[in-house]
Protein backbone atom coordinates (compact mmCIF):
# COMPACT_ATOMS: atom_id res chain seq x y z
CA MET A 1 131.21 74.75 82.25
CA SER A 2 133.16 77.46 83.54
CA ARG A 3 132.85 78.63 87.13
CA LEU A 4 133.51 82.14 88.56
CA ASP A 5 136.65 82.19 90.82
CA SER A 6 135.89 83.67 94.45
CA THR A 7 137.49 86.88 93.06
CA ASP A 8 135.92 87.61 90.24
CA ARG A 9 132.56 88.41 92.16
CA PRO A 10 130.47 91.14 91.42
CA VAL A 11 130.87 94.14 93.45
CA ALA A 12 128.12 95.02 95.49
CA SER A 13 129.06 98.37 96.51
CA THR A 14 128.16 100.32 93.28
CA LYS A 15 126.46 103.64 93.84
CA TRP A 16 122.72 103.37 93.51
CA LYS A 17 121.13 106.06 90.55
CA PRO A 18 117.56 107.25 91.70
CA ASP A 19 115.11 106.38 88.87
CA ILE A 20 112.05 108.06 87.27
CA TYR A 21 109.94 105.96 89.46
CA PHE A 22 111.82 107.09 92.61
CA MET A 23 111.45 110.48 91.81
CA MET A 24 107.73 109.97 91.47
CA LEU A 25 107.48 108.76 94.90
CA VAL A 26 109.53 111.69 96.16
CA LEU A 27 106.92 113.75 94.54
CA SER A 28 103.96 112.17 95.21
CA LEU A 29 105.52 112.36 99.18
CA LEU A 30 106.06 116.02 98.67
CA ALA A 31 102.31 116.99 97.04
CA LEU A 32 100.92 115.14 100.08
CA LEU A 33 102.81 116.86 102.90
CA ILE A 34 101.74 119.91 100.85
CA GLY A 35 98.27 119.22 101.22
CA THR A 36 98.72 118.09 104.70
CA VAL A 37 99.71 121.56 105.46
CA ALA A 38 97.26 123.31 103.22
CA LEU A 39 94.25 121.50 105.10
CA MET A 40 95.48 122.18 108.58
CA LEU A 41 95.85 126.08 107.67
CA GLU A 42 92.03 125.88 106.59
CA VAL A 43 91.13 124.11 109.69
CA ARG A 44 93.08 126.23 111.88
CA SER A 45 91.12 129.17 110.43
CA TYR A 46 88.03 127.67 111.92
CA GLU A 47 89.74 127.23 115.06
CA TRP A 48 89.58 123.61 115.31
CA ASP A 49 86.14 123.13 115.56
CA ILE A 50 85.11 120.12 113.03
CA LYS A 51 82.26 118.98 115.04
CA GLY A 52 79.73 121.38 113.19
CA THR A 53 77.55 122.00 116.34
CA GLY A 54 76.80 125.37 115.17
CA ALA A 55 75.78 124.31 111.78
CA ARG A 56 72.07 125.63 110.94
CA VAL A 57 69.41 122.47 110.71
CA GLN A 58 66.21 122.90 108.59
CA SER A 59 63.27 121.37 110.19
CA ILE A 60 60.81 119.19 107.80
CA GLU A 61 58.45 122.00 108.26
CA GLN A 62 60.36 124.90 106.56
CA VAL A 63 61.19 122.84 103.34
CA PRO A 64 58.53 123.55 100.61
CA GLN A 65 56.27 121.32 99.23
CA PHE A 66 55.81 120.33 95.79
CA GLY A 67 52.04 120.59 96.10
CA SER A 68 52.53 124.27 96.97
CA LEU A 69 54.84 124.97 93.91
CA VAL A 70 52.03 123.42 91.55
CA GLU A 71 49.56 126.02 93.01
CA ILE A 72 51.64 128.68 92.63
CA VAL A 73 52.04 127.90 88.49
């Protein structure tokens, strides 16, 4: 069994090349950033009001009942 000399060690300073998985990771990060900016622009058009305090609420009395639909037909 042969042993490596101390001078025959593999060089650890080889240049790293990005592969397809790294590029997919970069593309997904870019998509997340673009989506975040798009959502921020959308919420900004509503002046950052996300609580929904001005939303209309329909009460139960205003909802048509199924019985009234049967009488019309």
